[in-house]
Amino acid sequence: MLLRFEELLHFALINKSTDIHFEIIRSKLEISVRAISGFKSFKVKNNDYQLLEYIKYISNLNLIESELPQSGSFSYVFSDQEYFFRVASIKSAFMETCVIRILNKFFLDINIFNNVIDDIYNLLNKETGMIVFSGPTGSGKTTSLYSFIQMFTGKKIYSIEDPIEIFFDNIVQISVNKNRGLTYKSGIKQVLRHDPDIIVIGEIRDENAAQMAIRAAITGHLVVTTIHSKNAIGVINRLHDLGVSYNDIYENIIFISNQRLLKALEKNERWCVYEVINEKAIEKISKEGRTNYKQPDIQTIVQGLKNQNKVQ
């Protein structure tokens, strides 16, 4: 079973894939990977049904309650490198799908198109404030988040995640478990009592998480998180919609990024394109208003690169 999984993983990696897809349609299994150039099929063998069940098992999915949508994660060492995977499974009347996201670990694994590294390195000297990585689903927010926090040394880092996707030895990682009463809100409350230097919140999804994140920043901690937004300025609007005052946003957020993963035309590789609002820009927005903010947003940046025939 492990050898077969390694065959599939090797196929995904050589095609620079982000996801592995299992689909069972009326008892027929199909396996494919989402490569840079699109989906590529992986030749199915008879025991691949068992491979799917094995992946669910090591991801801690409930094999008995398989009718319910579920998600989990696991790691695997292949060719002396540890890989991390997020697994999501869902079943309908005549179809079952299971998607395995291959998670990158560091900025060095990503080709960064526009120069934002200087802005990111400048954040390593910060001790308070809130840092937000944003973008749509599949844009690499989680990779950016994990990559960034791994740049810190000698810091007490606590994270609250749902679920934990990549495990780190130097971070105290707490998994949200609503069935046991452990939410983002209660998790952050507990973490604040442990004298953290950095608090990582996997994703801001609701009012409680947004307001607790700002509270942690106000009390003198460095908070790093992600949120869904179509552009960087939209993060400010999104947080305000979740009950955070503009005053608290402007006084505590020190960095906002929005990103996209794009296919480079000249090479068979992906590029991560960022739009950044740094601390100086946030201060300017607080004084002049959001409507007067004229920097190009992520859509404009991406369209400009497409017009230059650099990405598609």
C-alpha atoms as a PDB file:
ATOM      1  CA  MET A   1       0.000   0.000   0.000  1.00  0.00           C
ATOM      2  CA  LEU A   2       2.810   2.411   0.865  1.00  0.00           C
ATOM      3  CA  LEU A   3       4.626   1.697  -2.398  1.00  0.00           C
ATOM      4  CA  ARG A   4       1.462   2.465  -4.350  1.00  0.00           C
ATOM      5  CA  PHE A   5       0.989   5.704  -2.442  1.00  0.00           C
ATOM      6  CA  GLU A   6       4.581   6.657  -3.248  1.00  0.00           C
ATOM      7  CA  GLU A   7       3.924   5.997  -6.936  1.00  0.00           C
ATOM      8  CA  LEU A   8       0.974   8.381  -6.797  1.00  0.00           C
ATOM      9  CA  LEU A   9       2.913  10.980  -4.821  1.00  0.00           C
ATOM     10  CA  HIS A  10       5.833  10.806  -7.255  1.00  0.00           C
ATOM     11  CA  PHE A  11       3.419  11.286 -10.175  1.00  0.00           C
ATOM     12  CA  ALA A  12       1.921  14.332  -8.442  1.00  0.00           C
ATOM     13  CA  LEU A  13       5.292  15.874  -7.609  1.00  0.00           C
ATOM     14  CA  ILE A  14       6.864  15.511 -11.053  1.00  0.00           C
ATOM     15  CA  ASN A  15       3.783  17.243 -12.468  1.00  0.00           C
ATOM     16  CA  LYS A  16       4.115  20.024  -9.831  1.00  0.00           C
ATOM     17  CA  SER A  17       0.589  19.299  -8.656  1.00  0.00           C
ATOM     18  CA  THR A  18      -1.308  21.069  -5.898  1.00  0.00           C
ATOM     19  CA  ASP A  19      -4.024  18.426  -5.412  1.00  0.00           C
ATOM     20  CA  ILE A  20      -4.697  14.721  -5.858  1.00  0.00           C
ATOM     21  CA  HIS A  21      -8.311  13.833  -6.740  1.00  0.00           C
ATOM     22  CA  PHE A  22     -10.049  10.506  -6.098  1.00  0.00           C
ATOM     23  CA  GLU A  23     -13.511  10.192  -7.672  1.00  0.00           C
ATOM     24  CA  ILE A  24     -15.790   7.174  -7.451  1.00  0.00           C
ATOM     25  CA  ILE A  25     -18.726   7.494  -9.858  1.00  0.00           C
ATOM     26  CA  ARG A  26     -21.181   4.570  -9.767  1.00  0.00           C
ATOM     27  CA  SER A  27     -18.456   2.306  -8.307  1.00  0.00           C
ATOM     28  CA  LYS A  28     -15.841   3.308 -10.905  1.00  0.00           C
ATOM     29  CA  LEU A  29     -12.693   4.925  -9.484  1.00  0.00           C
ATOM     30  CA  GLU A  30     -10.757   7.664 -11.255  1.00  0.00           C
ATOM     31  CA  ILE A  31      -7.573   9.311  -9.951  1.00  0.00           C
ATOM     32  CA  SER A  32      -6.127  12.564 -11.267  1.00  0.00           C
ATOM     33  CA  VAL A  33      -3.814  15.364 -10.189  1.00  0.00           C
ATOM     34  CA  ARG A  34      -4.215  19.098 -10.688  1.00  0.00           C
ATOM     35  CA  ALA A  35      -0.992  19.974 -12.509  1.00  0.00           C
ATOM     36  CA  ILE A  36       0.109  23.385 -13.758  1.00  0.00           C
ATOM     37  CA  SER A  37      -1.214  22.591 -17.233  1.00  0.00           C
ATOM     38  CA  GLY A  38      -4.509  21.162 -15.938  1.00  0.00           C
ATOM     39  CA  PHE A  39      -5.746  17.778 -14.737  1.00  0.00           C
ATOM     40  CA  LYS A  40      -3.674  14.682 -15.526  1.00  0.00           C
ATOM     41  CA  SER A  41      -4.998  11.150 -15.082  1.00  0.00           C
ATOM     42  CA  PHE A  42      -3.209   8.534 -12.993  1.00  0.00           C
ATOM     43  CA  LYS A  43      -3.664   4.941 -14.164  1.00  0.00           C
ATOM     44  CA  VAL A  44      -5.920   3.128 -11.708  1.00  0.00           C
ATOM     45  CA  LYS A  45      -5.146  -0.364 -10.410  1.00  0.00           C
ATOM     46  CA  ASN A  46      -7.510  -2.784  -8.693  1.00  0.00           C
ATOM     47  CA  ASN A  47      -6.193  -2.159  -5.170  1.00  0.00           C
ATOM     48  CA  ASP A  48      -6.520   1.632  -5.423  1.00  0.00           C
ATOM     49  CA  TYR A  49      -9.906   1.445  -3.703  1.00  0.00           C
ATOM     50  CA  GLN A  50      -8.009   0.170  -0.661  1.00  0.00           C
ATOM     51  CA  LEU A  51      -5.456   2.952  -1.131  1.00  0.00           C
ATOM     52  CA  LEU A  52      -8.233   5.516  -0.788  1.00  0.00           C
ATOM     53  CA  GLU A  53      -9.471   3.875   2.413  1.00  0.00           C
ATOM     54  CA  TYR A  54      -5.915   3.808   3.742  1.00  0.00           C
ATOM     55  CA  ILE A  55      -5.505   7.547   3.093  1.00  0.00           C
ATOM     56  CA  LYS A  56      -8.754   8.231   4.945  1.00  0.00           C
ATOM     57  CA  TYR A  57      -7.538   6.112   7.847  1.00  0.00           C
ATOM     58  CA  ILE A  58      -4.168   7.854   8.279  1.00  0.00           C
ATOM     59  CA  SER A  59      -5.963  11.214   7.958  1.00  0.00           C
ATOM     60  CA  ASN A  60      -8.091  10.295  11.006  1.00  0.00           C
ATOM     61  CA  LEU A  61     -11.350  10.367   9.068  1.00  0.00           C
ATOM     62  CA  ASN A  62     -14.272   8.440  10.524  1.00  0.00           C
ATOM     63  CA  LEU A  63     -14.575   5.368   8.309  1.00  0.00           C
ATOM     64  CA  ILE A  64     -17.862   4.344   9.924  1.00  0.00           C
ATOM     65  CA  GLU A  65     -19.583   7.698   9.352  1.00  0.00           C
ATOM     66  CA  SER A  66     -18.341   7.890   5.770  1.00  0.00           C
ATOM     67  CA  GLU A  67     -21.578   9.494   4.551  1.00  0.00           C
ATOM     68  CA  LEU A  68     -20.663  12.739   6.328  1.00  0.00           C
ATOM     69  CA  PRO A  69     -18.369  15.392   4.777  1.00  0.00           C
ATOM     70  CA  GLN A  70     -15.039  15.109   6.588  1.00  0.00           C
ATOM     71  CA  SER A  71     -11.581  16.642   6.601  1.00  0.00           C
ATOM     72  CA  GLY A  72      -8.259  15.630   8.101  1.00  0.00           C
ATOM     73  CA  SER A  73      -4.517  15.723   7.539  1.00  0.00           C
ATOM     74  CA  PHE A  74      -1.388  13.580   7.591  1.00  0.00           C
ATOM     75  CA  SER A  75       2.320  13.773   6.840  1.00  0.00           C
ATOM     76  CA  TYR A  76       4.611  11.399   4.967  1.00  0.00           C
ATOM     77  CA  VAL A  77       8.376  11.196   4.432  1.00  0.00           C
ATOM     78  CA  PHE A  78       9.300  10.568   0.808  1.00  0.00           C
ATOM     79  CA  SER A  79      12.828  10.764  -0.659  1.00  0.00           C
ATOM     80  CA  ASP A  80      14.147  12.158   2.651  1.00  0.00           C
ATOM     81  CA  GLN A  81      11.658  15.035   2.641  1.00  0.00           C
ATOM     82  CA  GLU A  82       8.563  15.382   4.803  1.00  0.00           C
ATOM     83  CA  TYR A  83       5.360  16.282   2.979  1.00  0.00           C
ATOM     84  CA  PHE A  84       2.125  17.470   4.555  1.00  0.00           C
ATOM     85  CA  PHE A  85      -1.360  16.791   3.220  1.00  0.00           C
ATOM     86  CA  ARG A  86      -4.865  18.086   3.889  1.00  0.00           C
ATOM     87  CA  VAL A  87      -7.656  15.641   3.053  1.00  0.00           C
ATOM     88  CA  ALA A  88     -11.328  16.394   2.369  1.00  0.00           C
ATOM     89  CA  SER A  89     -13.919  13.711   1.616  1.00  0.00           C
ATOM     90  CA  ILE A  90     -17.574  13.947   0.623  1.00  0.00           C
ATOM     91  CA  LYS A  91     -20.106  11.367  -0.582  1.00  0.00           C
ATOM     92  CA  SER A  92     -23.398  11.744  -2.456  1.00  0.00           C
ATOM     93  CA  ALA A  93     -25.934   9.223  -3.726  1.00  0.00           C
ATOM     94  CA  PHE A  94     -23.905   8.026  -6.720  1.00  0.00           C
ATOM     95  CA  MET A  95     -20.533   9.683  -6.245  1.00  0.00           C
ATOM     96  CA  GLU A  96     -17.703  10.001  -3.743  1.00  0.00           C
ATOM     97  CA  THR A  97     -14.822  12.462  -3.966  1.00  0.00           C
ATOM     98  CA  CYS A  98     -11.691  12.791  -1.899  1.00  0.00           C
ATOM     99  CA  VAL A  99      -9.244  15.631  -2.501  1.00  0.00           C
ATOM    100  CA  ILE A 100      -5.722  15.628  -1.076  1.00  0.00           C
ATOM    101  CA  ARG A 101      -4.050  19.031  -0.978  1.00  0.00           C
ATOM    102  CA  ILE A 102      -0.234  18.928  -1.078  1.00  0.00           C
ATOM    103  CA  LEU A 103       0.975  21.621   1.278  1.00  0.00           C
ATOM    104  CA  ASN A 104       4.223  23.459   0.706  1.00  0.00           C
ATOM    105  CA  LYS A 105       6.235  24.490   3.737  1.00  0.00           C
ATOM    106  CA  PHE A 106       8.440  27.478   2.929  1.00  0.00           C
ATOM    107  CA  PHE A 107       8.596  30.592   0.765  1.00  0.00           C
ATOM    108  CA  LEU A 108      11.590  28.954  -0.924  1.00  0.00           C
ATOM    109  CA  ASP A 109       9.174  26.406  -2.403  1.00  0.00           C
ATOM    110  CA  ILE A 110       7.304  29.206  -4.188  1.00  0.00           C
ATOM    111  CA  ASN A 111       8.447  31.418  -7.043  1.00  0.00           C
ATOM    112  CA  ILE A 112       7.524  34.912  -5.867  1.00  0.00           C
ATOM    113  CA  PHE A 113       6.890  37.121  -8.868  1.00  0.00           C
ATOM    114  CA  ASN A 114       6.791  40.621  -7.422  1.00  0.00           C
ATOM    115  CA  ASN A 115       9.283  41.704  -4.777  1.00  0.00           C
ATOM    116  CA  VAL A 116       7.566  41.522  -1.406  1.00  0.00           C
ATOM    117  CA  ILE A 117      10.337  39.716   0.449  1.00  0.00           C
ATOM    118  CA  ASP A 118      11.736  42.981   1.859  1.00  0.00           C
ATOM    119  CA  ASP A 119       8.321  43.868   3.304  1.00  0.00           C
ATOM    120  CA  ILE A 120       8.071  40.399   4.827  1.00  0.00           C
ATOM    121  CA  TYR A 121      11.570  40.440   6.327  1.00  0.00           C
ATOM    122  CA  ASN A 122      10.863  43.833   7.904  1.00  0.00           C
ATOM    123  CA  LEU A 123       8.069  42.183   9.893  1.00  0.00           C
ATOM    124  CA  LEU A 124      10.524  39.913  11.710  1.00  0.00           C
ATOM    125  CA  ASN A 125      11.476  42.812  13.980  1.00  0.00           C
ATOM    126  CA  LYS A 126       7.877  43.476  15.014  1.00  0.00           C
ATOM    127  CA  GLU A 127       6.696  42.457  18.470  1.00  0.00           C
ATOM    128  CA  THR A 128       3.088  43.648  18.356  1.00  0.00           C
ATOM    129  CA  GLY A 129       0.370  44.109  15.768  1.00  0.00           C
ATOM    130  CA  MET A 130      -1.635  41.977  13.375  1.00  0.00           C
ATOM    131  CA  ILE A 131      -0.405  40.467  10.102  1.00  0.00           C
ATOM    132  CA  VAL A 132      -3.001  39.204   7.622  1.00  0.00           C
ATOM    133  CA  PHE A 133      -2.429  36.960   4.595  1.00  0.00           C
ATOM    134  CA  SER A 134      -5.489  36.953   2.347  1.00  0.00           C
ATOM    135  CA  GLY A 135      -6.772  35.604  -0.943  1.00  0.00           C
ATOM    136  CA  PRO A 136      -9.352  33.188  -2.336  1.00  0.00           C
ATOM    137  CA  THR A 137      -9.362  29.428  -1.758  1.00  0.00           C
ATOM    138  CA  GLY A 138      -6.316  27.762  -3.316  1.00  0.00           C
ATOM    139  CA  SER A 139      -4.223  30.924  -3.555  1.00  0.00           C
ATOM    140  CA  GLY A 140      -1.550  29.760  -1.102  1.00  0.00           C
ATOM    141  CA  LYS A 141      -2.523  31.728   2.015  1.00  0.00           C
ATOM    142  CA  THR A 142      -1.731  28.829   4.332  1.00  0.00           C
ATOM    143  CA  THR A 143       1.672  28.291   2.713  1.00  0.00           C
ATOM    144  CA  SER A 144       2.502  31.969   3.169  1.00  0.00           C
ATOM    145  CA  LEU A 145       1.349  31.852   6.787  1.00  0.00           C
ATOM    146  CA  TYR A 146       3.413  28.787   7.693  1.00  0.00           C
ATOM    147  CA  SER A 147       6.435  30.015   5.735  1.00  0.00           C
ATOM    148  CA  PHE A 148       6.392  33.337   7.540  1.00  0.00           C
ATOM    149  CA  ILE A 149       6.176  31.989  11.086  1.00  0.00           C
ATOM    150  CA  GLN A 150       9.055  29.597  10.389  1.00  0.00           C
ATOM    151  CA  MET A 151      11.306  32.621   9.856  1.00  0.00           C
ATOM    152  CA  PHE A 152      11.164  33.477  13.567  1.00  0.00           C
ATOM    153  CA  THR A 153      13.735  32.114  16.016  1.00  0.00           C
ATOM    154  CA  GLY A 154      13.717  32.168  19.797  1.00  0.00           C
ATOM    155  CA  LYS A 155      10.012  33.047  20.031  1.00  0.00           C
ATOM    156  CA  LYS A 156       7.187  31.385  21.953  1.00  0.00           C
ATOM    157  CA  ILE A 157       4.649  30.666  19.226  1.00  0.00           C
ATOM    158  CA  TYR A 158       1.149  29.301  19.811  1.00  0.00           C
ATOM    159  CA  SER A 159      -1.333  28.485  17.056  1.00  0.00           C
ATOM    160  CA  ILE A 160      -5.062  27.785  16.939  1.00  0.00           C
ATOM    161  CA  GLU A 161      -6.016  25.947  13.737  1.00  0.00           C
ATOM    162  CA  ASP A 162      -8.973  24.118  12.195  1.00  0.00           C
ATOM    163  CA  PRO A 163      -7.517  21.658  11.361  1.00  0.00           C
ATOM    164  CA  ILE A 164      -3.749  21.594  11.977  1.00  0.00           C
ATOM    165  CA  GLU A 165      -2.296  21.116   8.503  1.00  0.00           C
ATOM    166  CA  ILE A 166       1.474  21.105   9.030  1.00  0.00           C
ATOM    167  CA  PHE A 167       3.068  20.100  12.330  1.00  0.00           C
ATOM    168  CA  PHE A 168       6.057  22.017  13.679  1.00  0.00           C
ATOM    169  CA  ASP A 169       8.290  21.121  16.618  1.00  0.00           C
ATOM    170  CA  ASN A 170       8.787  24.751  17.664  1.00  0.00           C
ATOM    171  CA  ILE A 171       5.089  25.735  17.793  1.00  0.00           C
ATOM    172  CA  VAL A 172       2.452  24.801  20.362  1.00  0.00           C
ATOM    173  CA  GLN A 173      -0.401  23.893  18.003  1.00  0.00           C
ATOM    174  CA  ILE A 174      -4.002  23.650  19.214  1.00  0.00           C
ATOM    175  CA  SER A 175      -6.711  22.098  17.054  1.00  0.00           C
ATOM    176  CA  VAL A 176     -10.218  23.557  17.187  1.00  0.00           C
ATOM    177  CA  ASN A 177     -12.732  20.973  18.415  1.00  0.00           C
ATOM    178  CA  LYS A 178     -16.224  22.420  18.616  1.00  0.00           C
ATOM    179  CA  ASN A 179     -17.666  19.114  19.846  1.00  0.00           C
ATOM    180  CA  ARG A 180     -15.569  19.528  22.983  1.00  0.00           C
ATOM    181  CA  GLY A 181     -16.168  23.253  23.300  1.00  0.00           C
ATOM    182  CA  LEU A 182     -12.771  24.329  21.956  1.00  0.00           C
ATOM    183  CA  THR A 183     -13.398  27.185  19.525  1.00  0.00           C
ATOM    184  CA  TYR A 184     -11.139  29.888  18.129  1.00  0.00           C
ATOM    185  CA  LYS A 185     -12.472  32.218  20.829  1.00  0.00           C
ATOM    186  CA  SER A 186     -11.833  29.877  23.767  1.00  0.00           C
ATOM    187  CA  GLY A 187      -8.501  28.781  22.294  1.00  0.00           C
ATOM    188  CA  ILE A 188      -7.237  32.347  22.013  1.00  0.00           C
ATOM    189  CA  LYS A 189      -8.364  33.054  25.581  1.00  0.00           C
ATOM    190  CA  GLN A 190      -6.307  30.125  26.844  1.00  0.00           C
ATOM    191  CA  VAL A 191      -3.261  30.990  24.745  1.00  0.00           C
ATOM    192  CA  LEU A 192      -3.207  34.557  26.099  1.00  0.00           C
ATOM    193  CA  ARG A 193      -2.553  33.088  29.572  1.00  0.00           C
ATOM    194  CA  HIS A 194       0.627  31.341  28.410  1.00  0.00           C
ATOM    195  CA  ASP A 195       2.775  34.418  27.787  1.00  0.00           C
ATOM    196  CA  PRO A 196       3.090  33.960  24.002  1.00  0.00           C
ATOM    197  CA  ASP A 197       5.271  36.099  21.742  1.00  0.00           C
ATOM    198  CA  ILE A 198       3.346  35.198  18.589  1.00  0.00           C
ATOM    199  CA  ILE A 199      -0.226  33.940  18.220  1.00  0.00           C
ATOM    200  CA  VAL A 200      -1.165  32.237  14.958  1.00  0.00           C
ATOM    201  CA  ILE A 201      -4.856  31.987  14.064  1.00  0.00           C
ATOM    202  CA  GLY A 202      -5.336  29.608  11.154  1.00  0.00           C
ATOM    203  CA  GLU A 203      -8.224  31.533   9.613  1.00  0.00           C
ATOM    204  CA  ILE A 204     -10.601  34.282  10.670  1.00  0.00           C
ATOM    205  CA  ARG A 205     -14.068  33.004   9.767  1.00  0.00           C
ATOM    206  CA  ASP A 206     -16.456  34.697  12.168  1.00  0.00           C
ATOM    207  CA  GLU A 207     -16.972  37.643  14.506  1.00  0.00           C
ATOM    208  CA  ASN A 208     -15.590  35.884  17.573  1.00  0.00           C
ATOM    209  CA  ALA A 209     -12.303  34.994  15.893  1.00  0.00           C
ATOM    210  CA  ALA A 210     -11.938  38.487  14.387  1.00  0.00           C
ATOM    211  CA  GLN A 211     -12.557  40.303  17.642  1.00  0.00           C
ATOM    212  CA  MET A 212     -10.350  37.971  19.697  1.00  0.00           C
ATOM    213  CA  ALA A 213      -7.530  38.368  17.161  1.00  0.00           C
ATOM    214  CA  ILE A 214      -7.682  42.147  17.443  1.00  0.00           C
ATOM    215  CA  ARG A 215      -7.888  41.876  21.224  1.00  0.00           C
ATOM    216  CA  ALA A 216      -4.696  39.806  21.263  1.00  0.00           C
ATOM    217  CA  ALA A 217      -2.935  42.439  19.151  1.00  0.00           C
ATOM    218  CA  ILE A 218      -4.215  45.255  21.382  1.00  0.00           C
ATOM    219  CA  THR A 219      -2.794  43.506  24.461  1.00  0.00           C
ATOM    220  CA  GLY A 220       0.711  43.621  22.978  1.00  0.00           C
ATOM    221  CA  HIS A 221       1.116  40.392  21.015  1.00  0.00           C
ATOM    222  CA  LEU A 222       2.079  39.710  17.424  1.00  0.00           C
ATOM    223  CA  VAL A 223      -0.872  38.017  15.710  1.00  0.00           C
ATOM    224  CA  VAL A 224      -0.589  36.259  12.336  1.00  0.00           C
ATOM    225  CA  THR A 225      -3.668  35.008  10.504  1.00  0.00           C
ATOM    226  CA  THR A 226      -5.436  34.469   7.173  1.00  0.00           C
ATOM    227  CA  ILE A 227      -8.789  35.584   5.822  1.00  0.00           C
ATOM    228  CA  HIS A 228     -10.719  35.231   2.576  1.00  0.00           C
ATOM    229  CA  SER A 229     -10.748  38.431   0.527  1.00  0.00           C
ATOM    230  CA  LYS A 230     -10.636  39.337  -3.168  1.00  0.00           C
ATOM    231  CA  ASN A 231      -8.020  42.056  -2.616  1.00  0.00           C
ATOM    232  CA  ALA A 232      -5.942  43.615   0.152  1.00  0.00           C
ATOM    233  CA  ILE A 233      -8.157  46.626   0.833  1.00  0.00           C
ATOM    234  CA  GLY A 234     -11.074  44.207   1.121  1.00  0.00           C
ATOM    235  CA  VAL A 235      -9.494  42.768   4.283  1.00  0.00           C
ATOM    236  CA  ILE A 236     -10.229  46.031   6.079  1.00  0.00           C
ATOM    237  CA  ASN A 237     -13.855  45.935   4.955  1.00  0.00           C
ATOM    238  CA  ARG A 238     -14.161  42.241   5.841  1.00  0.00           C
ATOM    239  CA  LEU A 239     -12.859  42.738   9.381  1.00  0.00           C
ATOM    240  CA  HIS A 240     -15.184  45.699   9.863  1.00  0.00           C
ATOM    241  CA  ASP A 241     -18.120  43.550   8.683  1.00  0.00           C
ATOM    242  CA  LEU A 242     -17.090  41.070  11.398  1.00  0.00           C
ATOM    243  CA  GLY A 243     -17.481  43.712  14.081  1.00  0.00           C
ATOM    244  CA  VAL A 244     -13.970  45.171  14.358  1.00  0.00           C
ATOM    245  CA  SER A 245     -13.940  48.975  14.485  1.00  0.00           C
ATOM    246  CA  TYR A 246     -11.980  50.901  11.860  1.00  0.00           C
ATOM    247  CA  ASN A 247     -10.033  52.537  14.682  1.00  0.00           C
ATOM    248  CA  ASP A 248      -8.874  49.144  16.022  1.00  0.00           C
ATOM    249  CA  ILE A 249      -8.031  47.986  12.498  1.00  0.00           C
ATOM    250  CA  TYR A 250      -5.880  51.004  11.679  1.00  0.00           C
ATOM    251  CA  GLU A 251      -4.123  51.019  15.054  1.00  0.00           C
ATOM    252  CA  ASN A 252      -3.245  47.324  15.124  1.00  0.00           C
ATOM    253  CA  ILE A 253      -2.868  45.889  11.617  1.00  0.00           C
ATOM    254  CA  ILE A 254       0.697  46.324  10.367  1.00  0.00           C
ATOM    255  CA  PHE A 255       0.649  44.240   7.169  1.00  0.00           C
ATOM    256  CA  ILE A 256      -1.946  42.953   4.699  1.00  0.00           C
ATOM    257  CA  SER A 257      -1.221  40.825   1.653  1.00  0.00           C
ATOM    258  CA  ASN A 258      -3.448  39.360  -1.026  1.00  0.00           C
ATOM    259  CA  GLN A 259      -2.145  36.731  -3.382  1.00  0.00           C
ATOM    260  CA  ARG A 260      -2.735  34.557  -6.415  1.00  0.00           C
ATOM    261  CA  LEU A 261      -1.014  31.449  -7.774  1.00  0.00           C
ATOM    262  CA  LEU A 262      -0.512  31.739 -11.528  1.00  0.00           C
ATOM    263  CA  LYS A 263       1.062  29.640 -14.275  1.00  0.00           C
ATOM    264  CA  ALA A 264       4.188  31.158 -15.824  1.00  0.00           C
ATOM    265  CA  LEU A 265       4.099  31.065 -19.628  1.00  0.00           C
ATOM    266  CA  GLU A 266       7.813  30.552 -20.246  1.00  0.00           C
ATOM    267  CA  LYS A 267       8.365  27.745 -17.733  1.00  0.00           C
ATOM    268  CA  ASN A 268       6.343  24.866 -16.371  1.00  0.00           C
ATOM    269  CA  GLU A 269       6.010  26.404 -12.920  1.00  0.00           C
ATOM    270  CA  ARG A 270       3.735  28.483 -10.722  1.00  0.00           C
ATOM    271  CA  TRP A 271       4.323  32.014  -9.561  1.00  0.00           C
ATOM    272  CA  CYS A 272       2.859  33.580  -6.456  1.00  0.00           C
ATOM    273  CA  VAL A 273       1.849  37.185  -7.061  1.00  0.00           C
ATOM    274  CA  TYR A 274       1.256  39.462  -4.088  1.00  0.00           C
ATOM    275  CA  GLU A 275      -0.512  42.735  -3.457  1.00  0.00           C
ATOM    276  CA  VAL A 276       0.771  44.291  -0.227  1.00  0.00           C
ATOM    277  CA  ILE A 277      -0.454  47.050   2.058  1.00  0.00           C
ATOM    278  CA  ASN A 278       2.353  47.744   4.520  1.00  0.00           C
ATOM    279  CA  GLU A 279       2.290  49.723   7.756  1.00  0.00           C
ATOM    280  CA  LYS A 280       2.934  53.076   6.075  1.00  0.00           C
ATOM    281  CA  ALA A 281       0.125  52.493   3.581  1.00  0.00           C
ATOM    282  CA  ILE A 282      -2.274  51.509   6.381  1.00  0.00           C
ATOM    283  CA  GLU A 283      -1.413  54.728   8.214  1.00  0.00           C
ATOM    284  CA  LYS A 284      -2.105  56.686   5.022  1.00  0.00           C
ATOM    285  CA  ILE A 285      -5.450  54.925   4.530  1.00  0.00           C
ATOM    286  CA  SER A 286      -6.438  55.734   8.114  1.00  0.00           C
ATOM    287  CA  LYS A 287      -5.843  59.433   7.453  1.00  0.00           C
ATOM    288  CA  GLU A 288      -7.120  59.772   3.884  1.00  0.00           C
ATOM    289  CA  GLY A 289      -9.810  57.082   3.731  1.00  0.00           C
ATOM    290  CA  ARG A 290     -10.160  53.834   1.806  1.00  0.00           C
ATOM    291  CA  THR A 291     -11.753  55.476  -1.233  1.00  0.00           C
ATOM    292  CA  ASN A 292      -8.603  57.563  -1.776  1.00  0.00           C
ATOM    293  CA  TYR A 293      -6.302  54.528  -1.773  1.00  0.00           C
ATOM    294  CA  LYS A 294      -5.048  54.361  -5.369  1.00  0.00           C
ATOM    295  CA  GLN A 295      -2.433  51.603  -5.395  1.00  0.00           C
ATOM    296  CA  PRO A 296      -3.038  48.785  -7.944  1.00  0.00           C
ATOM    297  CA  ASP A 297      -5.000  45.894  -6.445  1.00  0.00           C
ATOM    298  CA  ILE A 298      -4.256  42.232  -7.097  1.00  0.00           C
ATOM    299  CA  GLN A 299      -6.587  42.030 -10.107  1.00  0.00           C
ATOM    300  CA  THR A 300      -4.776  44.954 -11.769  1.00  0.00           C
ATOM    301  CA  ILE A 301      -1.371  43.439 -10.994  1.00  0.00           C
ATOM    302  CA  VAL A 302      -2.392  40.063 -12.437  1.00  0.00           C
ATOM    303  CA  GLN A 303      -3.911  41.619 -15.568  1.00  0.00           C
ATOM    304  CA  GLY A 304      -0.727  43.623 -16.117  1.00  0.00           C
ATOM    305  CA  LEU A 305       1.356  40.445 -16.002  1.00  0.00           C
ATOM    306  CA  LYS A 306      -1.033  38.749 -18.430  1.00  0.00           C
ATOM    307  CA  ASN A 307      -0.773  41.702 -20.806  1.00  0.00           C
ATOM    308  CA  GLN A 308       3.015  41.281 -20.697  1.00  0.00           C
ATOM    309  CA  ASN A 309       2.581  37.576 -21.568  1.00  0.00           C
ATOM    310  CA  LYS A 310       4.343  36.512 -18.368  1.00  0.00           C
ATOM    311  CA  VAL A 311       1.530  34.488 -16.805  1.00  0.00           C
ATOM    312  CA  GLN A 312      -1.791  33.012 -17.787  1.00  0.00           C
END
